[in-house]
Protein backbone atom coordinates (compact mmCIF):
# COMPACT_ATOMS: atom_id res chain seq x y z
CA MET A 1 -45.68 33.03 -57.48
CA ASN A 2 -45.00 29.67 -55.82
CA PRO A 3 -45.90 26.53 -57.73
CA THR A 4 -48.52 24.47 -55.96
CA PRO A 5 -47.43 21.03 -54.81
CA PRO A 6 -48.93 18.06 -56.63
CA ALA A 7 -52.20 16.70 -55.29
CA PRO A 8 -51.51 13.89 -52.82
CA PRO A 9 -51.83 10.46 -54.48
CA GLN A 10 -53.08 7.48 -52.52
CA HIS A 11 -49.65 6.52 -51.15
CA PRO A 12 -47.83 9.13 -48.97
CA ALA A 13 -44.37 8.06 -50.24
CA ALA A 14 -45.45 8.70 -53.82
CA TRP A 15 -46.68 12.17 -52.87
CA LEU A 16 -43.43 12.96 -51.03
CA SER A 17 -41.28 11.81 -53.96
CA ALA A 18 -43.43 13.87 -56.37
CA CYS A 19 -42.75 16.94 -54.21
CA LEU A 20 -39.03 16.22 -53.85
CA ARG A 21 -38.28 15.23 -57.46
CA PRO A 22 -38.18 18.80 -58.91
CA LEU A 23 -35.86 19.93 -56.12
CA VAL A 24 -33.58 16.90 -56.27
CA ARG A 25 -33.16 17.17 -60.05
CA ARG A 26 -31.62 20.64 -59.60
CA LEU A 27 -29.02 19.51 -57.07
CA PRO A 28 -25.50 18.44 -58.06
CA MET A 29 -25.18 14.64 -58.15
CA GLN A 30 -21.56 14.53 -56.94
CA PRO A 31 -22.26 14.44 -53.15
CA PRO A 32 -24.89 11.67 -53.26
CA THR A 33 -22.85 9.71 -55.82
CA LEU A 34 -19.79 9.85 -53.58
CA ALA A 35 -21.94 8.75 -50.62
CA LEU A 36 -23.26 5.81 -52.64
CA ALA A 37 -19.71 4.88 -53.71
CA LEU A 38 -18.58 4.87 -50.06
CA ALA A 39 -21.58 2.75 -49.05
CA LEU A 40 -20.84 0.24 -51.83
CA ASP A 41 -17.18 0.15 -50.79
CA ARG A 42 -18.26 -0.82 -47.30
CA LEU A 43 -21.22 -3.11 -47.99
CA LEU A 44 -20.54 -4.70 -51.39
CA LEU A 45 -16.85 -4.48 -52.29
CA PRO A 46 -15.55 -6.82 -49.54
CA ARG A 47 -18.04 -9.46 -50.69
CA LEU A 48 -17.19 -9.29 -54.41
CA PRO A 49 -15.10 -12.20 -55.69
CA ALA A 50 -11.89 -11.21 -57.55
CA ASP A 51 -13.17 -12.44 -60.92
CA VAL A 52 -16.34 -10.35 -60.59
CA ARG A 53 -14.31 -7.28 -59.60
CA GLU A 54 -12.22 -7.77 -62.71
CA SER A 55 -15.21 -8.15 -65.04
CA LEU A 56 -17.01 -5.09 -63.62
CA SER A 57 -13.90 -2.92 -63.26
CA GLY A 58 -13.52 0.17 -65.41
CA ARG A 59 -17.04 0.00 -66.86
CA PRO A 60 -19.43 2.84 -65.95
CA VAL A 61 -22.78 1.89 -64.44
CA GLU A 62 -25.70 4.29 -64.18
CA VAL A 63 -28.08 3.77 -61.27
CA ALA A 64 -31.35 5.70 -61.56
CA VAL A 65 -33.77 6.12 -58.66
CA ILE A 66 -36.77 7.03 -60.77
CA ASP A 67 -39.21 8.26 -58.14
CA LEU A 68 -36.66 10.61 -56.58
CA GLY A 69 -35.15 11.84 -59.85
CA LEU A 70 -31.64 10.73 -58.84
CA THR A 71 -29.09 9.37 -61.31
CA PHE A 72 -25.71 8.07 -60.13
CA LYS A 73 -22.83 7.19 -62.46
CA LEU A 74 -20.37 4.84 -60.80
CA LEU A 75 -17.20 3.06 -61.80
CA LEU A 76 -15.40 0.24 -60.03
CA GLY A 77 -11.69 0.94 -60.01
CA PRO A 78 -8.60 -0.50 -58.30
CA ARG A 79 -9.38 1.37 -55.05
CA GLY A 80 -13.11 0.71 -55.03
CA PHE A 81 -16.20 2.47 -56.29
CA ALA A 82 -15.95 6.04 -57.53
CA MET A 83 -17.93 8.60 -59.45
CA ALA A 84 -17.71 7.97 -63.21
CA ALA A 85 -17.16 10.80 -65.68
CA THR A 86 -20.54 12.27 -66.52
CA ARG A 87 -19.82 12.25 -70.24
CA SER A 88 -18.88 8.58 -70.43
CA PRO A 89 -21.77 6.44 -71.68
CA PRO A 90 -22.75 3.75 -69.19
CA ALA A 91 -22.08 0.12 -70.04
CA LEU A 92 -25.11 -0.76 -67.92
CA ARG A 93 -28.09 1.25 -66.72
CA ILE A 94 -30.19 0.08 -63.79
CA ALA A 95 -33.43 1.90 -62.98
CA ALA A 96 -36.04 1.38 -60.27
CA ASP A 97 -37.87 3.35 -57.63
CA ALA A 98 -36.39 3.71 -54.15
CA ARG A 99 -38.73 1.13 -52.64
CA ALA A 100 -37.64 -1.55 -55.15
CA TYR A 101 -33.93 -0.92 -54.41
CA TRP A 102 -34.59 -1.07 -50.68
CA ARG A 103 -36.46 -4.39 -51.04
CA LEU A 104 -33.57 -5.76 -53.13
CA LEU A 105 -30.90 -4.65 -50.65
CA ARG A 106 -32.79 -6.17 -47.73
CA GLY A 107 -33.45 -9.45 -49.56
CA VAL A 108 -37.23 -9.05 -49.48
CA ASP A 109 -37.33 -9.46 -53.28
CA ASP A 110 -34.70 -10.74 -55.68
CA ALA A 111 -33.68 -9.05 -58.92
CA ASP A 112 -35.54 -11.61 -61.07
CA ARG A 113 -38.86 -10.91 -59.38
CA LEU A 114 -38.40 -7.14 -59.61
CA PHE A 115 -37.32 -7.47 -63.26
CA PHE A 116 -40.34 -9.60 -64.24
CA GLU A 117 -42.68 -7.25 -62.35
CA ARG A 118 -41.07 -4.39 -64.32
CA ALA A 119 -40.09 -2.69 -61.06
CA LEU A 120 -36.39 -2.98 -62.04
CA VAL A 121 -35.05 -2.22 -65.51
CA MET A 122 -31.57 -3.13 -66.76
CA GLU A 123 -30.36 -1.77 -70.09
CA GLY A 124 -27.05 -2.05 -71.87
CA ASP A 125 -24.44 -4.80 -71.69
CA THR A 126 -26.45 -7.98 -71.08
CA GLU A 127 -23.44 -10.02 -69.97
CA MET A 128 -22.41 -7.39 -67.44
CA GLY A 129 -25.99 -7.20 -66.16
CA LEU A 130 -26.09 -10.97 -65.68
CA VAL A 131 -22.75 -11.00 -63.86
CA LEU A 132 -23.98 -8.29 -61.52
CA LYS A 133 -27.39 -9.92 -60.95
CA ASN A 134 -25.93 -13.39 -60.35
CA THR A 135 -23.34 -11.97 -57.97
CA LEU A 136 -25.96 -10.09 -55.96
CA ASP A 137 -28.07 -13.28 -55.84
CA ALA A 138 -25.07 -15.27 -54.58
CA ILE A 139 -24.10 -12.65 -51.99
CA GLY A 140 -27.59 -12.30 -50.60
CA PRO A 141 -29.01 -9.25 -48.86
CA LEU A 142 -26.60 -6.43 -48.10
CA PHE A 143 -28.74 -5.59 -45.08
CA ASP A 144 -29.59 -8.84 -43.36
CA LYS A 145 -31.22 -7.12 -40.40
CA PRO A 146 -33.96 -4.51 -40.42
CA TRP A 147 -32.45 -1.02 -40.74
CA SER A 148 -33.53 0.16 -37.33
CA ALA A 149 -32.12 -2.89 -35.52
CA ALA A 150 -28.87 -2.93 -37.49
CA HIS A 151 -28.06 0.71 -36.75
CA ALA A 152 -29.63 1.27 -33.36
CA THR A 153 -27.44 2.77 -30.66
CA PRO A 154 -27.21 0.45 -27.67
CA ARG A 155 -28.81 1.85 -24.55
CA ARG A 156 -27.01 2.05 -21.27
CA PRO A 157 -28.88 0.68 -18.30
CA HIS A 158 -30.07 3.30 -15.84
CA SER A 159 -28.17 3.30 -12.56
């Protein structure tokens, strides 16, 4: 007997995430965590000042994408971001839905706005959370162009 999918809510993205969440929660988190670590190595690590790298280094951070049921545990080490041991308690936990993260990464909203709207939750080491938030504010958007324009393949003119 197949379970019936949830009734579609008003927003299609919410319905899709409700359908995907049970499936995603059963999958191993290692592949997506490694993909996130590689993305952070490319997009964030080169922009982190040395003092910030030092203060964040060696301290596990848990990033939860609530609407998709994903939880990533990351650690900044000497060679960049990596998957943290699953048993190590996080020094900082950051939780939001995928849309809030995307708006933050693109610079549409800042962390303060998302925090005060309760779309972004930070728990754990307050000082570490402030260092991370202030650094992201200083760096600015990690994607300064719309996704489609930034990653579009250039077309060749027809001959």
